[in-house]
Amino acid sequence: MTSPDGHDDPHARCALVNVGMNLREALAIMRRLPDSTLSGHSAAGPAGDPPAGSFAIDFWQTTDAQGIRRTSALRYSGGTIESADCGRVDVAPAVPSPLKED
């Protein structure tokens, strides 16, 4: 999808991705490689539920003309999409206040 200003919008594309979709299909919808990827392993619970396994989360970030940063993320395991979080506004980190002199 293209935004009104003609630029590619990964967040609008992310909204087209469904849980249970094949990763290759999801990446084809996104039309570009992610900006970053986080991979990890989940541990099994005390009774073995849920089973341990590996997962990855791909991230796409944009910053608009007003400086608002948005992130879309696709979490997947075994080549299947487990969740999609699309167009989340990133909260800017707090700016530390200057030290006060007593």
PDB file of N, CA and C in Angstrom:
ATOM      1  N   MET A   1       0.836  -1.169   0.000  1.00  0.00           N
ATOM      2  CA  MET A   1       0.000   0.000   0.000  1.00  0.00           C
ATOM      3  C   MET A   1       0.876   1.225   0.000  1.00  0.00           C
ATOM      4  N   THR A   2       0.329   2.293  -0.526  1.00  0.00           N
ATOM      5  CA  THR A   2       1.062   3.551  -0.588  1.00  0.00           C
ATOM      6  C   THR A   2       0.264   4.603   0.152  1.00  0.00           C
ATOM      7  N   SER A   3       0.930   5.381   0.940  1.00  0.00           N
ATOM      8  CA  SER A   3       0.266   6.449   1.670  1.00  0.00           C
ATOM      9  C   SER A   3      -0.067   7.582   0.714  1.00  0.00           C
ATOM     10  N   PRO A   4      -0.910   8.540   1.118  1.00  0.00           N
ATOM     11  CA  PRO A   4      -1.291   9.634   0.224  1.00  0.00           C
ATOM     12  C   PRO A   4      -0.113  10.427  -0.327  1.00  0.00           C
ATOM     13  N   ASP A   5       1.000  10.489   0.411  1.00  0.00           N
ATOM     14  CA  ASP A   5       2.146  11.244  -0.079  1.00  0.00           C
ATOM     15  C   ASP A   5       3.033  10.422  -1.011  1.00  0.00           C
ATOM     16  N   GLY A   6       2.610   9.189  -1.335  1.00  0.00           N
ATOM     17  CA  GLY A   6       3.330   8.380  -2.316  1.00  0.00           C
ATOM     18  C   GLY A   6       4.396   7.466  -1.752  1.00  0.00           C
ATOM     19  N   HIS A   7       4.593   7.477  -0.438  1.00  0.00           N
ATOM     20  CA  HIS A   7       5.615   6.625   0.164  1.00  0.00           C
ATOM     21  C   HIS A   7       5.009   5.296   0.600  1.00  0.00           C
ATOM     22  N   ASP A   8       5.815   4.282   0.593  1.00  0.00           N
ATOM     23  CA  ASP A   8       5.382   2.960   1.029  1.00  0.00           C
ATOM     24  C   ASP A   8       5.052   3.004   2.517  1.00  0.00           C
ATOM     25  N   ASP A   9       3.964   2.373   2.929  1.00  0.00           N
ATOM     26  CA  ASP A   9       3.536   2.385   4.319  1.00  0.00           C
ATOM     27  C   ASP A   9       3.513   0.964   4.881  1.00  0.00           C
ATOM     28  N   PRO A  10       4.577   0.560   5.596  1.00  0.00           N
ATOM     29  CA  PRO A  10       4.611  -0.800   6.123  1.00  0.00           C
ATOM     30  C   PRO A  10       3.522  -1.059   7.170  1.00  0.00           C
ATOM     31  N   HIS A  11       3.026  -0.010   7.815  1.00  0.00           N
ATOM     32  CA  HIS A  11       2.016  -0.196   8.860  1.00  0.00           C
ATOM     33  C   HIS A  11       0.656  -0.557   8.243  1.00  0.00           C
ATOM     34  N   ALA A  12       0.335   0.036   7.115  1.00  0.00           N
ATOM     35  CA  ALA A  12      -0.896  -0.334   6.405  1.00  0.00           C
ATOM     36  C   ALA A  12      -0.772  -1.754   5.864  1.00  0.00           C
ATOM     37  N   ARG A  13       0.398  -2.108   5.403  1.00  0.00           N
ATOM     38  CA  ARG A  13       0.618  -3.471   4.902  1.00  0.00           C
ATOM     39  C   ARG A  13       0.531  -4.484   6.040  1.00  0.00           C
ATOM     40  N   CYS A  14       1.060  -4.137   7.194  1.00  0.00           N
ATOM     41  CA  CYS A  14       1.035  -5.025   8.358  1.00  0.00           C
ATOM     42  C   CYS A  14      -0.406  -5.394   8.725  1.00  0.00           C
ATOM     43  N   ALA A  15      -1.310  -4.446   8.566  1.00  0.00           N
ATOM     44  CA  ALA A  15      -2.713  -4.697   8.909  1.00  0.00           C
ATOM     45  C   ALA A  15      -3.331  -5.785   8.030  1.00  0.00           C
ATOM     46  N   LEU A  16      -2.697  -6.107   6.913  1.00  0.00           N
ATOM     47  CA  LEU A  16      -3.188  -7.150   6.015  1.00  0.00           C
ATOM     48  C   LEU A  16      -2.686  -8.541   6.403  1.00  0.00           C
ATOM     49  N   VAL A  17      -1.743  -8.597   7.340  1.00  0.00           N
ATOM     50  CA  VAL A  17      -1.172  -9.866   7.782  1.00  0.00           C
ATOM     51  C   VAL A  17      -2.083 -10.486   8.845  1.00  0.00           C
ATOM     52  N   ASN A  18      -2.351 -11.775   8.725  1.00  0.00           N
ATOM     53  CA  ASN A  18      -3.229 -12.483   9.668  1.00  0.00           C
ATOM     54  C   ASN A  18      -2.457 -13.510  10.486  1.00  0.00           C
ATOM     55  N   VAL A  19      -2.888 -13.699  11.729  1.00  0.00           N
ATOM     56  CA  VAL A  19      -2.328 -14.753  12.573  1.00  0.00           C
ATOM     57  C   VAL A  19      -2.577 -16.089  11.876  1.00  0.00           C
ATOM     58  N   GLY A  20      -1.558 -16.955  11.872  1.00  0.00           N
ATOM     59  CA  GLY A  20      -1.652 -18.255  11.217  1.00  0.00           C
ATOM     60  C   GLY A  20      -1.143 -18.250   9.785  1.00  0.00           C
ATOM     61  N   MET A  21      -0.865 -17.050   9.270  1.00  0.00           N
ATOM     62  CA  MET A  21      -0.361 -16.917   7.899  1.00  0.00           C
ATOM     63  C   MET A  21       1.078 -17.428   7.816  1.00  0.00           C
ATOM     64  N   ASN A  22       1.440 -17.949   6.670  1.00  0.00           N
ATOM     65  CA  ASN A  22       2.798 -18.387   6.392  1.00  0.00           C
ATOM     66  C   ASN A  22       3.720 -17.171   6.378  1.00  0.00           C
ATOM     67  N   LEU A  23       4.911 -17.301   6.957  1.00  0.00           N
ATOM     68  CA  LEU A  23       5.863 -16.188   7.023  1.00  0.00           C
ATOM     69  C   LEU A  23       6.197 -15.646   5.644  1.00  0.00           C
ATOM     70  N   ARG A  24       6.383 -16.510   4.659  1.00  0.00           N
ATOM     71  CA  ARG A  24       6.719 -16.031   3.313  1.00  0.00           C
ATOM     72  C   ARG A  24       5.611 -15.154   2.744  1.00  0.00           C
ATOM     73  N   GLU A  25       4.357 -15.548   2.970  1.00  0.00           N
ATOM     74  CA  GLU A  25       3.225 -14.729   2.518  1.00  0.00           C
ATOM     75  C   GLU A  25       3.247 -13.365   3.210  1.00  0.00           C
ATOM     76  N   ALA A  26       3.496 -13.381   4.529  1.00  0.00           N
ATOM     77  CA  ALA A  26       3.518 -12.138   5.293  1.00  0.00           C
ATOM     78  C   ALA A  26       4.631 -11.211   4.800  1.00  0.00           C
ATOM     79  N   LEU A  27       5.811 -11.755   4.537  1.00  0.00           N
ATOM     80  CA  LEU A  27       6.917 -10.923   4.052  1.00  0.00           C
ATOM     81  C   LEU A  27       6.640 -10.397   2.655  1.00  0.00           C
ATOM     82  N   ALA A  28       5.934 -11.166   1.841  1.00  0.00           N
ATOM     83  CA  ALA A  28       5.548 -10.691   0.510  1.00  0.00           C
ATOM     84  C   ALA A  28       4.586  -9.508   0.644  1.00  0.00           C
ATOM     85  N   ILE A  29       3.683  -9.565   1.604  1.00  0.00           N
ATOM     86  CA  ILE A  29       2.761  -8.451   1.841  1.00  0.00           C
ATOM     87  C   ILE A  29       3.528  -7.218   2.301  1.00  0.00           C
ATOM     88  N   MET A  30       4.520  -7.406   3.168  1.00  0.00           N
ATOM     89  CA  MET A  30       5.283  -6.279   3.699  1.00  0.00           C
ATOM     90  C   MET A  30       6.141  -5.596   2.617  1.00  0.00           C
ATOM     91  N   ARG A  31       6.526  -6.331   1.594  1.00  0.00           N
ATOM     92  CA  ARG A  31       7.265  -5.820   0.428  1.00  0.00           C
ATOM     93  C   ARG A  31       8.674  -5.315   0.695  1.00  0.00           C
ATOM     94  N   ARG A  32       9.164  -5.433   1.893  1.00  0.00           N
ATOM     95  CA  ARG A  32      10.564  -5.099   2.157  1.00  0.00           C
ATOM     96  C   ARG A  32      11.016  -5.855   3.386  1.00  0.00           C
ATOM     97  N   LEU A  33      12.309  -6.038   3.474  1.00  0.00           N
ATOM     98  CA  LEU A  33      12.874  -6.725   4.633  1.00  0.00           C
ATOM     99  C   LEU A  33      12.668  -5.874   5.884  1.00  0.00           C
ATOM    100  N   PRO A  34      12.597  -6.511   7.039  1.00  0.00           N
ATOM    101  CA  PRO A  34      12.428  -5.740   8.277  1.00  0.00           C
ATOM    102  C   PRO A  34      13.659  -4.896   8.573  1.00  0.00           C
ATOM    103  N   ASP A  35      13.444  -3.843   9.358  1.00  0.00           N
ATOM    104  CA  ASP A  35      14.554  -2.987   9.783  1.00  0.00           C
ATOM    105  C   ASP A  35      15.403  -3.681  10.839  1.00  0.00           C
ATOM    106  N   SER A  36      14.782  -4.557  11.632  1.00  0.00           N
ATOM    107  CA  SER A  36      15.524  -5.310  12.644  1.00  0.00           C
ATOM    108  C   SER A  36      14.741  -6.561  13.014  1.00  0.00           C
ATOM    109  N   THR A  37      15.453  -7.514  13.596  1.00  0.00           N
ATOM    110  CA  THR A  37      14.848  -8.781  14.013  1.00  0.00           C
ATOM    111  C   THR A  37      15.375  -9.152  15.392  1.00  0.00           C
ATOM    112  N   LEU A  38      14.479  -9.602  16.236  1.00  0.00           N
ATOM    113  CA  LEU A  38      14.829 -10.111  17.560  1.00  0.00           C
ATOM    114  C   LEU A  38      14.470 -11.585  17.567  1.00  0.00           C
ATOM    115  N   SER A  39      15.378 -12.421  18.014  1.00  0.00           N
ATOM    116  CA  SER A  39      15.053 -13.845  18.115  1.00  0.00           C
ATOM    117  C   SER A  39      15.289 -14.302  19.539  1.00  0.00           C
ATOM    118  N   GLY A  40      14.523 -15.292  19.953  1.00  0.00           N
ATOM    119  CA  GLY A  40      14.650 -15.772  21.319  1.00  0.00           C
ATOM    120  C   GLY A  40      14.095 -17.165  21.473  1.00  0.00           C
ATOM    121  N   HIS A  41      14.130 -17.636  22.698  1.00  0.00           N
ATOM    122  CA  HIS A  41      13.644 -18.974  23.028  1.00  0.00           C
ATOM    123  C   HIS A  41      12.697 -18.866  24.208  1.00  0.00           C
ATOM    124  N   SER A  42      11.606 -19.594  24.129  1.00  0.00           N
ATOM    125  CA  SER A  42      10.675 -19.632  25.254  1.00  0.00           C
ATOM    126  C   SER A  42      10.917 -20.914  26.038  1.00  0.00           C
ATOM    127  N   ALA A  43      10.825 -20.797  27.332  1.00  0.00           N
ATOM    128  CA  ALA A  43      11.049 -21.960  28.197  1.00  0.00           C
ATOM    129  C   ALA A  43       9.730 -22.677  28.457  1.00  0.00           C
ATOM    130  N   ALA A  44       9.824 -23.954  28.657  1.00  0.00           N
ATOM    131  CA  ALA A  44       8.633 -24.737  28.995  1.00  0.00           C
ATOM    132  C   ALA A  44       8.238 -24.450  30.438  1.00  0.00           C
ATOM    133  N   GLY A  45       6.953 -24.538  30.719  1.00  0.00           N
ATOM    134  CA  GLY A  45       6.456 -24.361  32.071  1.00  0.00           C
ATOM    135  C   GLY A  45       6.828 -25.562  32.930  1.00  0.00           C
ATOM    136  N   PRO A  46       6.486 -25.550  34.214  1.00  0.00           N
ATOM    137  CA  PRO A  46       6.860 -26.629  35.124  1.00  0.00           C
ATOM    138  C   PRO A  46       6.335 -27.995  34.689  1.00  0.00           C
ATOM    139  N   ALA A  47       5.189 -28.036  34.055  1.00  0.00           N
ATOM    140  CA  ALA A  47       4.618 -29.314  33.614  1.00  0.00           C
ATOM    141  C   ALA A  47       4.901 -29.576  32.136  1.00  0.00           C
ATOM    142  N   GLY A  48       5.773 -28.739  31.547  1.00  0.00           N
ATOM    143  CA  GLY A  48       6.093 -28.910  30.131  1.00  0.00           C
ATOM    144  C   GLY A  48       5.145 -28.164  29.207  1.00  0.00           C
ATOM    145  N   ASP A  49       4.218 -27.390  29.778  1.00  0.00           N
ATOM    146  CA  ASP A  49       3.285 -26.598  28.962  1.00  0.00           C
ATOM    147  C   ASP A  49       3.565 -25.133  29.143  1.00  0.00           C
ATOM    148  N   PRO A  50       3.587 -24.303  28.161  1.00  0.00           N
ATOM    149  CA  PRO A  50       3.656 -24.718  26.759  1.00  0.00           C
ATOM    150  C   PRO A  50       5.037 -25.271  26.455  1.00  0.00           C
ATOM    151  N   PRO A  51       5.173 -26.007  25.380  1.00  0.00           N
ATOM    152  CA  PRO A  51       6.489 -26.565  25.065  1.00  0.00           C
ATOM    153  C   PRO A  51       7.500 -25.458  24.756  1.00  0.00           C
ATOM    154  N   ALA A  52       8.749 -25.729  25.074  1.00  0.00           N
ATOM    155  CA  ALA A  52       9.816 -24.781  24.774  1.00  0.00           C
ATOM    156  C   ALA A  52       9.959 -24.659  23.267  1.00  0.00           C
ATOM    157  N   GLY A  53      10.409 -23.525  22.823  1.00  0.00           N
ATOM    158  CA  GLY A  53      10.604 -23.340  21.392  1.00  0.00           C
ATOM    159  C   GLY A  53      11.278 -22.022  21.100  1.00  0.00           C
ATOM    160  N   SER A  54      11.570 -21.788  19.847  1.00  0.00           N
ATOM    161  CA  SER A  54      12.192 -20.539  19.448  1.00  0.00           C
ATOM    162  C   SER A  54      11.170 -19.691  18.705  1.00  0.00           C
ATOM    163  N   PHE A  55      11.420 -18.387  18.688  1.00  0.00           N
ATOM    164  CA  PHE A  55      10.550 -17.454  17.998  1.00  0.00           C
ATOM    165  C   PHE A  55      11.396 -16.302  17.490  1.00  0.00           C
ATOM    166  N   ALA A  56      10.815 -15.485  16.633  1.00  0.00           N
ATOM    167  CA  ALA A  56      11.474 -14.271  16.162  1.00  0.00           C
ATOM    168  C   ALA A  56      10.422 -13.189  16.011  1.00  0.00           C
ATOM    169  N   ILE A  57      10.859 -11.946  16.139  1.00  0.00           N
ATOM    170  CA  ILE A  57       9.992 -10.798  15.923  1.00  0.00           C
ATOM    171  C   ILE A  57      10.714  -9.873  14.945  1.00  0.00           C
ATOM    172  N   ASP A  58      10.056  -9.578  13.831  1.00  0.00           N
ATOM    173  CA  ASP A  58      10.594  -8.642  12.846  1.00  0.00           C
ATOM    174  C   ASP A  58       9.951  -7.285  13.076  1.00  0.00           C
ATOM    175  N   PHE A  59      10.731  -6.204  12.936  1.00  0.00           N
ATOM    176  CA  PHE A  59      10.253  -4.848  13.181  1.00  0.00           C
ATOM    177  C   PHE A  59      10.446  -3.963  11.945  1.00  0.00           C
ATOM    178  N   TRP A  60       9.446  -3.122  11.691  1.00  0.00           N
ATOM    179  CA  TRP A  60       9.520  -2.096  10.650  1.00  0.00           C
ATOM    180  C   TRP A  60       9.232  -0.769  11.339  1.00  0.00           C
ATOM    181  N   GLN A  61      10.139   0.211  11.173  1.00  0.00           N
ATOM    182  CA  GLN A  61       9.962   1.519  11.805  1.00  0.00           C
ATOM    183  C   GLN A  61       9.904   2.626  10.751  1.00  0.00           C
ATOM    184  N   THR A  62       9.092   3.633  11.047  1.00  0.00           N
ATOM    185  CA  THR A  62       9.039   4.834  10.207  1.00  0.00           C
ATOM    186  C   THR A  62       8.950   6.048  11.124  1.00  0.00           C
ATOM    187  N   THR A  63       9.375   7.188  10.614  1.00  0.00           N
ATOM    188  CA  THR A  63       9.210   8.471  11.296  1.00  0.00           C
ATOM    189  C   THR A  63       8.563   9.411  10.300  1.00  0.00           C
ATOM    190  N   ASP A  64       7.434  10.021  10.678  1.00  0.00           N
ATOM    191  CA  ASP A  64       6.735  10.896   9.739  1.00  0.00           C
ATOM    192  C   ASP A  64       7.289  12.319   9.797  1.00  0.00           C
ATOM    193  N   ALA A  65       6.717  13.209   9.010  1.00  0.00           N
ATOM    194  CA  ALA A  65       7.208  14.584   8.906  1.00  0.00           C
ATOM    195  C   ALA A  65       7.104  15.340  10.233  1.00  0.00           C
ATOM    196  N   GLN A  66       6.194  14.920  11.107  1.00  0.00           N
ATOM    197  CA  GLN A  66       6.055  15.560  12.419  1.00  0.00           C
ATOM    198  C   GLN A  66       6.972  14.943  13.464  1.00  0.00           C
ATOM    199  N   GLY A  67       7.791  13.976  13.061  1.00  0.00           N
ATOM    200  CA  GLY A  67       8.730  13.336  13.976  1.00  0.00           C
ATOM    201  C   GLY A  67       8.127  12.210  14.791  1.00  0.00           C
ATOM    202  N   ILE A  68       6.911  11.784  14.447  1.00  0.00           N
ATOM    203  CA  ILE A  68       6.275  10.687  15.170  1.00  0.00           C
ATOM    204  C   ILE A  68       6.810   9.370  14.618  1.00  0.00           C
ATOM    205  N   ARG A  69       7.332   8.562  15.510  1.00  0.00           N
ATOM    206  CA  ARG A  69       7.907   7.270  15.119  1.00  0.00           C
ATOM    207  C   ARG A  69       6.877   6.176  15.373  1.00  0.00           C
ATOM    208  N   ARG A  70       6.688   5.313  14.381  1.00  0.00           N
ATOM    209  CA  ARG A  70       5.757   4.182  14.494  1.00  0.00           C
ATOM    210  C   ARG A  70       6.515   2.888  14.235  1.00  0.00           C
ATOM    211  N   THR A  71       6.039   1.833  14.886  1.00  0.00           N
ATOM    212  CA  THR A  71       6.644   0.516  14.720  1.00  0.00           C
ATOM    213  C   THR A  71       5.559  -0.509  14.452  1.00  0.00           C
ATOM    214  N   SER A  72       5.830  -1.382  13.505  1.00  0.00           N
ATOM    215  CA  SER A  72       5.006  -2.566  13.274  1.00  0.00           C
ATOM    216  C   SER A  72       5.878  -3.774  13.536  1.00  0.00           C
ATOM    217  N   ALA A  73       5.294  -4.809  14.127  1.00  0.00           N
ATOM    218  CA  ALA A  73       6.054  -6.008  14.486  1.00  0.00           C
ATOM    219  C   ALA A  73       5.264  -7.258  14.146  1.00  0.00           C
ATOM    220  N   LEU A  74       5.957  -8.240  13.591  1.00  0.00           N
ATOM    221  CA  LEU A  74       5.372  -9.552  13.324  1.00  0.00           C
ATOM    222  C   LEU A  74       6.142 -10.579  14.140  1.00  0.00           C
ATOM    223  N   ARG A  75       5.445 -11.313  14.994  1.00  0.00           N
ATOM    224  CA  ARG A  75       6.069 -12.388  15.773  1.00  0.00           C
ATOM    225  C   ARG A  75       5.717 -13.702  15.102  1.00  0.00           C
ATOM    226  N   TYR A  76       6.719 -14.559  14.942  1.00  0.00           N
ATOM    227  CA  TYR A  76       6.484 -15.842  14.282  1.00  0.00           C
ATOM    228  C   TYR A  76       7.350 -16.932  14.882  1.00  0.00           C
ATOM    229  N   SER A  77       6.876 -18.162  14.688  1.00  0.00           N
ATOM    230  CA  SER A  77       7.589 -19.344  15.140  1.00  0.00           C
ATOM    231  C   SER A  77       7.275 -20.456  14.160  1.00  0.00           C
ATOM    232  N   GLY A  78       8.281 -21.211  13.780  1.00  0.00           N
ATOM    233  CA  GLY A  78       8.072 -22.321  12.858  1.00  0.00           C
ATOM    234  C   GLY A  78       7.528 -21.891  11.509  1.00  0.00           C
ATOM    235  N   GLY A  79       7.817 -20.652  11.102  1.00  0.00           N
ATOM    236  CA  GLY A  79       7.360 -20.166   9.806  1.00  0.00           C
ATOM    237  C   GLY A  79       5.908 -19.732   9.781  1.00  0.00           C
ATOM    238  N   THR A  80       5.277 -19.593  10.969  1.00  0.00           N
ATOM    239  CA  THR A  80       3.879 -19.206  11.053  1.00  0.00           C
ATOM    240  C   THR A  80       3.740 -17.943  11.909  1.00  0.00           C
ATOM    241  N   ILE A  81       2.957 -16.981  11.440  1.00  0.00           N
ATOM    242  CA  ILE A  81       2.739 -15.739  12.177  1.00  0.00           C
ATOM    243  C   ILE A  81       1.911 -16.028  13.427  1.00  0.00           C
ATOM    244  N   GLU A  82       2.420 -15.582  14.580  1.00  0.00           N
ATOM    245  CA  GLU A  82       1.712 -15.756  15.850  1.00  0.00           C
ATOM    246  C   GLU A  82       0.990 -14.489  16.285  1.00  0.00           C
ATOM    247  N   SER A  83       1.539 -13.323  15.899  1.00  0.00           N
ATOM    248  CA  SER A  83       0.879 -12.062  16.231  1.00  0.00           C
ATOM    249  C   SER A  83       1.401 -10.960  15.328  1.00  0.00           C
ATOM    250  N   ALA A  84       0.557  -9.937  15.168  1.00  0.00           N
ATOM    251  CA  ALA A  84       0.926  -8.752  14.391  1.00  0.00           C
ATOM    252  C   ALA A  84       0.527  -7.535  15.203  1.00  0.00           C
ATOM    253  N   ASP A  85       1.471  -6.632  15.411  1.00  0.00           N
ATOM    254  CA  ASP A  85       1.233  -5.386  16.143  1.00  0.00           C
ATOM    255  C   ASP A  85       1.581  -4.276  15.163  1.00  0.00           C
ATOM    256  N   CYS A  86       0.573  -3.607  14.620  1.00  0.00           N
ATOM    257  CA  CYS A  86       0.777  -2.708  13.480  1.00  0.00           C
ATOM    258  C   CYS A  86       0.611  -1.230  13.820  1.00  0.00           C
ATOM    259  N   GLY A  87       1.614  -0.443  13.446  1.00  0.00           N
ATOM    260  CA  GLY A  87       1.529   1.013  13.533  1.00  0.00           C
ATOM    261  C   GLY A  87       1.524   1.589  14.934  1.00  0.00           C
ATOM    262  N   ARG A  88       2.105   0.887  15.879  1.00  0.00           N
ATOM    263  CA  ARG A  88       2.159   1.378  17.256  1.00  0.00           C
ATOM    264  C   ARG A  88       3.025   2.637  17.319  1.00  0.00           C
ATOM    265  N   VAL A  89       2.523   3.674  17.992  1.00  0.00           N
ATOM    266  CA  VAL A  89       3.295   4.908  18.166  1.00  0.00           C
ATOM    267  C   VAL A  89       4.316   4.667  19.266  1.00  0.00           C
ATOM    268  N   ASP A  90       5.572   4.927  18.946  1.00  0.00           N
ATOM    269  CA  ASP A  90       6.638   4.751  19.934  1.00  0.00           C
ATOM    270  C   ASP A  90       6.686   5.968  20.842  1.00  0.00           C
ATOM    271  N   VAL A  91       6.759   5.719  22.129  1.00  0.00           N
ATOM    272  CA  VAL A  91       6.854   6.798  23.101  1.00  0.00           C
ATOM    273  C   VAL A  91       8.310   7.219  23.179  1.00  0.00           C
ATOM    274  N   ALA A  92       8.536   8.510  23.058  1.00  0.00           N
ATOM    275  CA  ALA A  92       9.905   9.031  23.134  1.00  0.00           C
ATOM    276  C   ALA A  92      10.439   8.835  24.544  1.00  0.00           C
ATOM    277  N   PRO A  93      11.706   8.474  24.657  1.00  0.00           N
ATOM    278  CA  PRO A  93      12.277   8.327  26.002  1.00  0.00           C
ATOM    279  C   PRO A  93      12.257   9.673  26.723  1.00  0.00           C
ATOM    280  N   ALA A  94      12.067   9.633  28.012  1.00  0.00           N
ATOM    281  CA  ALA A  94      12.036  10.855  28.812  1.00  0.00           C
ATOM    282  C   ALA A  94      13.390  11.548  28.765  1.00  0.00           C
ATOM    283  N   VAL A  95      13.338  12.833  28.627  1.00  0.00           N
ATOM    284  CA  VAL A  95      14.572  13.619  28.612  1.00  0.00           C
ATOM    285  C   VAL A  95      14.908  13.945  30.054  1.00  0.00           C
ATOM    286  N   PRO A  96      16.131  13.600  30.477  1.00  0.00           N
ATOM    287  CA  PRO A  96      16.481  13.875  31.877  1.00  0.00           C
ATOM    288  C   PRO A  96      16.505  15.381  32.135  1.00  0.00           C
ATOM    289  N   SER A  97      16.018  15.761  33.292  1.00  0.00           N
ATOM    290  CA  SER A  97      16.033  17.177  33.648  1.00  0.00           C
ATOM    291  C   SER A  97      17.446  17.565  34.071  1.00  0.00           C
ATOM    292  N   PRO A  98      17.800  18.818  33.876  1.00  0.00           N
ATOM    293  CA  PRO A  98      19.148  19.251  34.288  1.00  0.00           C
ATOM    294  C   PRO A  98      19.285  19.154  35.801  1.00  0.00           C
ATOM    295  N   LEU A  99      20.493  18.925  36.232  1.00  0.00           N
ATOM    296  CA  LEU A  99      20.749  18.833  37.678  1.00  0.00           C
ATOM    297  C   LEU A  99      20.549  20.191  38.314  1.00  0.00           C
ATOM    298  N   LYS A 100      19.916  20.180  39.468  1.00  0.00           N
ATOM    299  CA  LYS A 100      19.709  21.419  40.215  1.00  0.00           C
ATOM    300  C   LYS A 100      20.831  21.595  41.218  1.00  0.00           C
ATOM    301  N   GLU A 101      21.295  22.826  41.308  1.00  0.00           N
ATOM    302  CA  GLU A 101      22.329  23.131  42.294  1.00  0.00           C
ATOM    303  C   GLU A 101      21.649  23.608  43.560  1.00  0.00           C
ATOM    304  N   ASP A 102      22.123  23.141  44.688  1.00  0.00           N
ATOM    305  CA  ASP A 102      21.536  23.577  45.970  1.00  0.00           C
ATOM    306  C   ASP A 102      22.157  24.837  46.443  1.00  0.00           C
TER     307      ASP A 102
END
